């Protein structure tokens, strides 16, 4: 299915937010996922189904000092 991820059109397997995060190889402890302007709480990732055309923003946290 096609999604827009961080402004780029991406092809991912149909599934949930959780499965997309795994497919993209992201560290789920260091990111926040927003779909169509709404933040998806981490505890809901396995329940939120992806649909064709969704706009996904993934924000990575990085440490520093």
PDB file of N, CA and C in Angstrom:
ATOM      1  N   UNK A   1       0.843  -1.162   0.000  1.00  0.00           N
ATOM      2  CA  UNK A   1       0.000   0.000   0.000  1.00  0.00           C
ATOM      3  C   UNK A   1       0.890   1.227   0.000  1.00  0.00           C
ATOM      4  N   UNK A   2       0.378   2.310  -0.535  1.00  0.00           N
ATOM      5  CA  UNK A   2       1.148   3.556  -0.609  1.00  0.00           C
ATOM      6  C   UNK A   2       0.751   4.498   0.520  1.00  0.00           C
ATOM      7  N   UNK A   3       1.767   4.987   1.207  1.00  0.00           N
ATOM      8  CA  UNK A   3       1.595   5.990   2.252  1.00  0.00           C
ATOM      9  C   UNK A   3       2.577   7.113   1.987  1.00  0.00           C
ATOM     10  N   UNK A   4       2.275   8.286   2.484  1.00  0.00           N
ATOM     11  CA  UNK A   4       3.252   9.366   2.466  1.00  0.00           C
ATOM     12  C   UNK A   4       3.904   9.375   3.840  1.00  0.00           C
ATOM     13  N   UNK A   5       5.201   9.073   3.873  1.00  0.00           N
ATOM     14  CA  UNK A   5       5.942   9.004   5.131  1.00  0.00           C
ATOM     15  C   UNK A   5       6.976  10.116   5.130  1.00  0.00           C
ATOM     16  N   UNK A   6       6.828  11.041   6.070  1.00  0.00           N
ATOM     17  CA  UNK A   6       7.725  12.195   6.174  1.00  0.00           C
ATOM     18  C   UNK A   6       7.889  12.893   4.825  1.00  0.00           C
ATOM     19  N   UNK A   7       6.761  13.052   4.125  1.00  0.00           N
ATOM     20  CA  UNK A   7       6.748  13.795   2.876  1.00  0.00           C
ATOM     21  C   UNK A   7       7.133  13.010   1.638  1.00  0.00           C
ATOM     22  N   UNK A   8       7.491  11.718   1.799  1.00  0.00           N
ATOM     23  CA  UNK A   8       7.884  10.890   0.654  1.00  0.00           C
ATOM     24  C   UNK A   8       6.892   9.758   0.463  1.00  0.00           C
ATOM     25  N   UNK A   9       6.518   9.497  -0.788  1.00  0.00           N
ATOM     26  CA  UNK A   9       5.634   8.379  -1.091  1.00  0.00           C
ATOM     27  C   UNK A   9       6.396   7.080  -0.859  1.00  0.00           C
ATOM     28  N   UNK A  10       5.836   6.192  -0.026  1.00  0.00           N
ATOM     29  CA  UNK A  10       6.482   4.920   0.298  1.00  0.00           C
ATOM     30  C   UNK A  10       5.500   3.788   0.077  1.00  0.00           C
ATOM     31  N   UNK A  11       6.025   2.657  -0.312  1.00  0.00           N
ATOM     32  CA  UNK A  11       5.237   1.438  -0.462  1.00  0.00           C
ATOM     33  C   UNK A  11       5.535   0.560   0.750  1.00  0.00           C
ATOM     34  N   UNK A  12       4.500   0.221   1.529  1.00  0.00           N
ATOM     35  CA  UNK A  12       4.668  -0.642   2.698  1.00  0.00           C
ATOM     36  C   UNK A  12       3.603  -1.730   2.667  1.00  0.00           C
ATOM     37  N   UNK A  13       3.851  -2.791   3.420  1.00  0.00           N
ATOM     38  CA  UNK A  13       2.872  -3.868   3.534  1.00  0.00           C
ATOM     39  C   UNK A  13       1.660  -3.357   4.307  1.00  0.00           C
ATOM     40  N   UNK A  14       0.490  -3.855   3.954  1.00  0.00           N
ATOM     41  CA  UNK A  14      -0.715  -3.516   4.715  1.00  0.00           C
ATOM     42  C   UNK A  14      -0.545  -4.046   6.128  1.00  0.00           C
ATOM     43  N   UNK A  15      -1.066  -3.323   7.082  1.00  0.00           N
ATOM     44  CA  UNK A  15      -0.949  -3.763   8.469  1.00  0.00           C
ATOM     45  C   UNK A  15      -1.249  -2.632   9.423  1.00  0.00           C
ATOM     46  N   UNK A  16      -0.525  -2.627  10.527  1.00  0.00           N
ATOM     47  CA  UNK A  16      -0.740  -1.647  11.582  1.00  0.00           C
ATOM     48  C   UNK A  16       0.448  -0.700  11.670  1.00  0.00           C
ATOM     49  N   UNK A  17       0.300   0.314  12.512  1.00  0.00           N
ATOM     50  CA  UNK A  17       1.421   1.219  12.766  1.00  0.00           C
ATOM     51  C   UNK A  17       2.607   0.409  13.286  1.00  0.00           C
ATOM     52  N   UNK A  18       2.353  -0.518  14.193  1.00  0.00           N
ATOM     53  CA  UNK A  18       3.421  -1.341  14.764  1.00  0.00           C
ATOM     54  C   UNK A  18       4.166  -2.121  13.682  1.00  0.00           C
ATOM     55  N   UNK A  19       3.439  -2.735  12.758  1.00  0.00           N
ATOM     56  CA  UNK A  19       4.095  -3.510  11.701  1.00  0.00           C
ATOM     57  C   UNK A  19       4.873  -2.607  10.754  1.00  0.00           C
ATOM     58  N   UNK A  20       4.388  -1.389  10.502  1.00  0.00           N
ATOM     59  CA  UNK A  20       5.111  -0.448   9.645  1.00  0.00           C
ATOM     60  C   UNK A  20       6.429  -0.034  10.301  1.00  0.00           C
ATOM     61  N   UNK A  21       6.391   0.253  11.599  1.00  0.00           N
ATOM     62  CA  UNK A  21       7.605   0.646  12.319  1.00  0.00           C
ATOM     63  C   UNK A  21       8.649  -0.466  12.217  1.00  0.00           C
ATOM     64  N   UNK A  22       8.216  -1.712  12.398  1.00  0.00           N
ATOM     65  CA  UNK A  22       9.138  -2.853  12.282  1.00  0.00           C
ATOM     66  C   UNK A  22       9.655  -2.982  10.857  1.00  0.00           C
ATOM     67  N   UNK A  23       8.766  -2.867   9.869  1.00  0.00           N
ATOM     68  CA  UNK A  23       9.158  -2.990   8.463  1.00  0.00           C
ATOM     69  C   UNK A  23      10.193  -1.939   8.078  1.00  0.00           C
ATOM     70  N   UNK A  24      10.050  -0.739   8.617  1.00  0.00           N
ATOM     71  CA  UNK A  24      10.984   0.341   8.299  1.00  0.00           C
ATOM     72  C   UNK A  24      12.267   0.260   9.128  1.00  0.00           C
ATOM     73  N   UNK A  25      12.330  -0.700  10.057  1.00  0.00           N
ATOM     74  CA  UNK A  25      13.541  -0.905  10.849  1.00  0.00           C
ATOM     75  C   UNK A  25      13.820   0.198  11.853  1.00  0.00           C
ATOM     76  N   UNK A  26      12.765   0.782  12.405  1.00  0.00           N
ATOM     77  CA  UNK A  26      12.928   1.901  13.330  1.00  0.00           C
ATOM     78  C   UNK A  26      12.938   1.422  14.775  1.00  0.00           C
ATOM     79  N   UNK A  27      13.665   2.138  15.627  1.00  0.00           N
ATOM     80  CA  UNK A  27      13.694   1.857  17.063  1.00  0.00           C
ATOM     81  C   UNK A  27      12.451   2.480  17.679  1.00  0.00           C
ATOM     82  N   UNK A  28      11.502   1.644  18.062  1.00  0.00           N
ATOM     83  CA  UNK A  28      10.215   2.171  18.521  1.00  0.00           C
ATOM     84  C   UNK A  28      10.284   2.923  19.843  1.00  0.00           C
ATOM     85  N   UNK A  29      11.414   2.875  20.532  1.00  0.00           N
ATOM     86  CA  UNK A  29      11.543   3.606  21.796  1.00  0.00           C
ATOM     87  C   UNK A  29      11.911   5.064  21.567  1.00  0.00           C
ATOM     88  N   UNK A  30      12.391   5.372  20.377  1.00  0.00           N
ATOM     89  CA  UNK A  30      12.916   6.706  20.119  1.00  0.00           C
ATOM     90  C   UNK A  30      12.127   7.485  19.076  1.00  0.00           C
ATOM     91  N   UNK A  31      10.875   7.089  18.825  1.00  0.00           N
ATOM     92  CA  UNK A  31      10.090   7.784  17.803  1.00  0.00           C
ATOM     93  C   UNK A  31       8.678   8.088  18.292  1.00  0.00           C
ATOM     94  N   UNK A  32       8.072   9.060  17.621  1.00  0.00           N
ATOM     95  CA  UNK A  32       6.649   9.369  17.782  1.00  0.00           C
ATOM     96  C   UNK A  32       6.044   9.283  16.388  1.00  0.00           C
ATOM     97  N   UNK A  33       4.858   8.690  16.287  1.00  0.00           N
ATOM     98  CA  UNK A  33       4.185   8.534  14.999  1.00  0.00           C
ATOM     99  C   UNK A  33       2.912   9.380  14.992  1.00  0.00           C
ATOM    100  N   UNK A  34       2.762  10.140  13.914  1.00  0.00           N
ATOM    101  CA  UNK A  34       1.569  10.959  13.703  1.00  0.00           C
ATOM    102  C   UNK A  34       0.943  10.510  12.389  1.00  0.00           C
ATOM    103  N   UNK A  35      -0.364  10.301  12.394  1.00  0.00           N
ATOM    104  CA  UNK A  35      -1.076   9.911  11.175  1.00  0.00           C
ATOM    105  C   UNK A  35      -2.173  10.929  10.911  1.00  0.00           C
ATOM    106  N   UNK A  36      -2.129  11.488   9.709  1.00  0.00           N
ATOM    107  CA  UNK A  36      -3.127  12.477   9.288  1.00  0.00           C
ATOM    108  C   UNK A  36      -3.340  13.552  10.360  1.00  0.00           C
ATOM    109  N   UNK A  37      -2.230  14.024  10.944  1.00  0.00           N
ATOM    110  CA  UNK A  37      -2.278  15.126  11.893  1.00  0.00           C
ATOM    111  C   UNK A  37      -2.555  14.755  13.338  1.00  0.00           C
ATOM    112  N   UNK A  38      -2.731  13.469  13.623  1.00  0.00           N
ATOM    113  CA  UNK A  38      -3.028  13.019  14.986  1.00  0.00           C
ATOM    114  C   UNK A  38      -1.913  12.108  15.495  1.00  0.00           C
ATOM    115  N   UNK A  39      -1.391  12.410  16.689  1.00  0.00           N
ATOM    116  CA  UNK A  39      -0.372  11.544  17.287  1.00  0.00           C
ATOM    117  C   UNK A  39      -1.026  10.233  17.685  1.00  0.00           C
ATOM    118  N   UNK A  40      -0.352   9.131  17.355  1.00  0.00           N
ATOM    119  CA  UNK A  40      -0.832   7.804  17.726  1.00  0.00           C
ATOM    120  C   UNK A  40      -0.033   7.366  18.951  1.00  0.00           C
ATOM    121  N   UNK A  41      -0.723   7.142  20.059  1.00  0.00           N
ATOM    122  CA  UNK A  41      -0.061   6.704  21.288  1.00  0.00           C
ATOM    123  C   UNK A  41       0.580   5.335  21.060  1.00  0.00           C
ATOM    124  N   UNK A  42       1.764   5.150  21.619  1.00  0.00           N
ATOM    125  CA  UNK A  42       2.515   3.914  21.407  1.00  0.00           C
ATOM    126  C   UNK A  42       1.708   2.672  21.790  1.00  0.00           C
ATOM    127  N   UNK A  43       0.927   2.753  22.853  1.00  0.00           N
ATOM    128  CA  UNK A  43       0.146   1.588  23.276  1.00  0.00           C
ATOM    129  C   UNK A  43      -0.955   1.237  22.271  1.00  0.00           C
ATOM    130  N   UNK A  44      -1.255   2.150  21.325  1.00  0.00           N
ATOM    131  CA  UNK A  44      -2.292   1.905  20.318  1.00  0.00           C
ATOM    132  C   UNK A  44      -1.741   1.443  18.974  1.00  0.00           C
ATOM    133  N   UNK A  45      -0.424   1.413  18.819  1.00  0.00           N
ATOM    134  CA  UNK A  45       0.176   1.088  17.524  1.00  0.00           C
ATOM    135  C   UNK A  45      -0.321  -0.231  16.951  1.00  0.00           C
ATOM    136  N   UNK A  46      -0.496  -1.250  17.787  1.00  0.00           N
ATOM    137  CA  UNK A  46      -0.908  -2.558  17.268  1.00  0.00           C
ATOM    138  C   UNK A  46      -2.386  -2.588  16.884  1.00  0.00           C
ATOM    139  N   UNK A  47      -3.145  -1.570  17.296  1.00  0.00           N
ATOM    140  CA  UNK A  47      -4.581  -1.520  17.003  1.00  0.00           C
ATOM    141  C   UNK A  47      -4.943  -0.595  15.846  1.00  0.00           C
ATOM    142  N   UNK A  48      -4.020   0.276  15.439  1.00  0.00           N
ATOM    143  CA  UNK A  48      -4.321   1.269  14.403  1.00  0.00           C
ATOM    144  C   UNK A  48      -3.932   0.711  13.033  1.00  0.00           C
ATOM    145  N   UNK A  49      -4.940   0.421  12.221  1.00  0.00           N
ATOM    146  CA  UNK A  49      -4.712  -0.129  10.882  1.00  0.00           C
ATOM    147  C   UNK A  49      -4.343   0.988   9.911  1.00  0.00           C
ATOM    148  N   UNK A  50      -3.398   0.691   9.040  1.00  0.00           N
ATOM    149  CA  UNK A  50      -3.000   1.639   8.003  1.00  0.00           C
ATOM    150  C   UNK A  50      -3.948   1.524   6.821  1.00  0.00           C
ATOM    151  N   UNK A  51      -4.191   2.660   6.167  1.00  0.00           N
ATOM    152  CA  UNK A  51      -5.030   2.682   4.974  1.00  0.00           C
ATOM    153  C   UNK A  51      -4.300   3.421   3.866  1.00  0.00           C
ATOM    154  N   UNK A  52      -4.558   3.008   2.656  1.00  0.00           N
ATOM    155  CA  UNK A  52      -3.974   3.633   1.467  1.00  0.00           C
ATOM    156  C   UNK A  52      -4.122   5.149   1.545  1.00  0.00           C
ATOM    157  N   UNK A  53      -3.036   5.859   1.269  1.00  0.00           N
ATOM    158  CA  UNK A  53      -3.077   7.306   1.176  1.00  0.00           C
ATOM    159  C   UNK A  53      -2.874   8.070   2.476  1.00  0.00           C
ATOM    160  N   UNK A  54      -2.721   7.358   3.585  1.00  0.00           N
ATOM    161  CA  UNK A  54      -2.501   8.056   4.858  1.00  0.00           C
ATOM    162  C   UNK A  54      -1.209   8.866   4.802  1.00  0.00           C
ATOM    163  N   UNK A  55      -1.192   9.958   5.567  1.00  0.00           N
ATOM    164  CA  UNK A  55       0.015  10.779   5.693  1.00  0.00           C
ATOM    165  C   UNK A  55       0.611  10.519   7.067  1.00  0.00           C
ATOM    166  N   UNK A  56       1.807   9.962   7.062  1.00  0.00           N
ATOM    167  CA  UNK A  56       2.477   9.555   8.290  1.00  0.00           C
ATOM    168  C   UNK A  56       3.699  10.435   8.508  1.00  0.00           C
ATOM    169  N   UNK A  57       3.829  10.944   9.708  1.00  0.00           N
ATOM    170  CA  UNK A  57       5.035  11.670  10.100  1.00  0.00           C
ATOM    171  C   UNK A  57       5.668  10.885  11.236  1.00  0.00           C
ATOM    172  N   UNK A  58       6.962  10.628  11.108  1.00  0.00           N
ATOM    173  CA  UNK A  58       7.704   9.914  12.139  1.00  0.00           C
ATOM    174  C   UNK A  58       8.793  10.845  12.637  1.00  0.00           C
ATOM    175  N   UNK A  59       8.753  11.118  13.943  1.00  0.00           N
ATOM    176  CA  UNK A  59       9.723  12.019  14.552  1.00  0.00           C
ATOM    177  C   UNK A  59      10.679  11.186  15.391  1.00  0.00           C
ATOM    178  N   UNK A  60      11.978  11.355  15.131  1.00  0.00           N
ATOM    179  CA  UNK A  60      13.021  10.638  15.869  1.00  0.00           C
ATOM    180  C   UNK A  60      13.564  11.535  16.970  1.00  0.00           C
ATOM    181  N   UNK A  61      13.768  10.952  18.137  1.00  0.00           N
ATOM    182  CA  UNK A  61      14.410  11.684  19.228  1.00  0.00           C
ATOM    183  C   UNK A  61      15.880  11.315  19.257  1.00  0.00           C
ATOM    184  N   UNK A  62      16.721  12.311  19.439  1.00  0.00           N
ATOM    185  CA  UNK A  62      18.160  12.068  19.559  1.00  0.00           C
ATOM    186  C   UNK A  62      18.657  12.767  20.815  1.00  0.00           C
ATOM    187  N   UNK A  63      19.557  12.089  21.497  1.00  0.00           N
ATOM    188  CA  UNK A  63      20.134  12.664  22.706  1.00  0.00           C
ATOM    189  C   UNK A  63      21.296  13.570  22.365  1.00  0.00           C
ATOM    190  N   UNK A  64      21.603  14.398  23.265  1.00  0.00           N
ATOM    191  CA  UNK A  64      22.728  15.295  23.066  1.00  0.00           C
ATOM    192  C   UNK A  64      22.978  16.079  24.336  1.00  0.00           C
ATOM    193  N   UNK A  65      23.988  16.838  24.270  1.00  0.00           N
ATOM    194  CA  UNK A  65      24.258  17.584  25.485  1.00  0.00           C
ATOM    195  C   UNK A  65      25.260  18.675  25.267  1.00  0.00           C
TER     196      UNK A  65
END
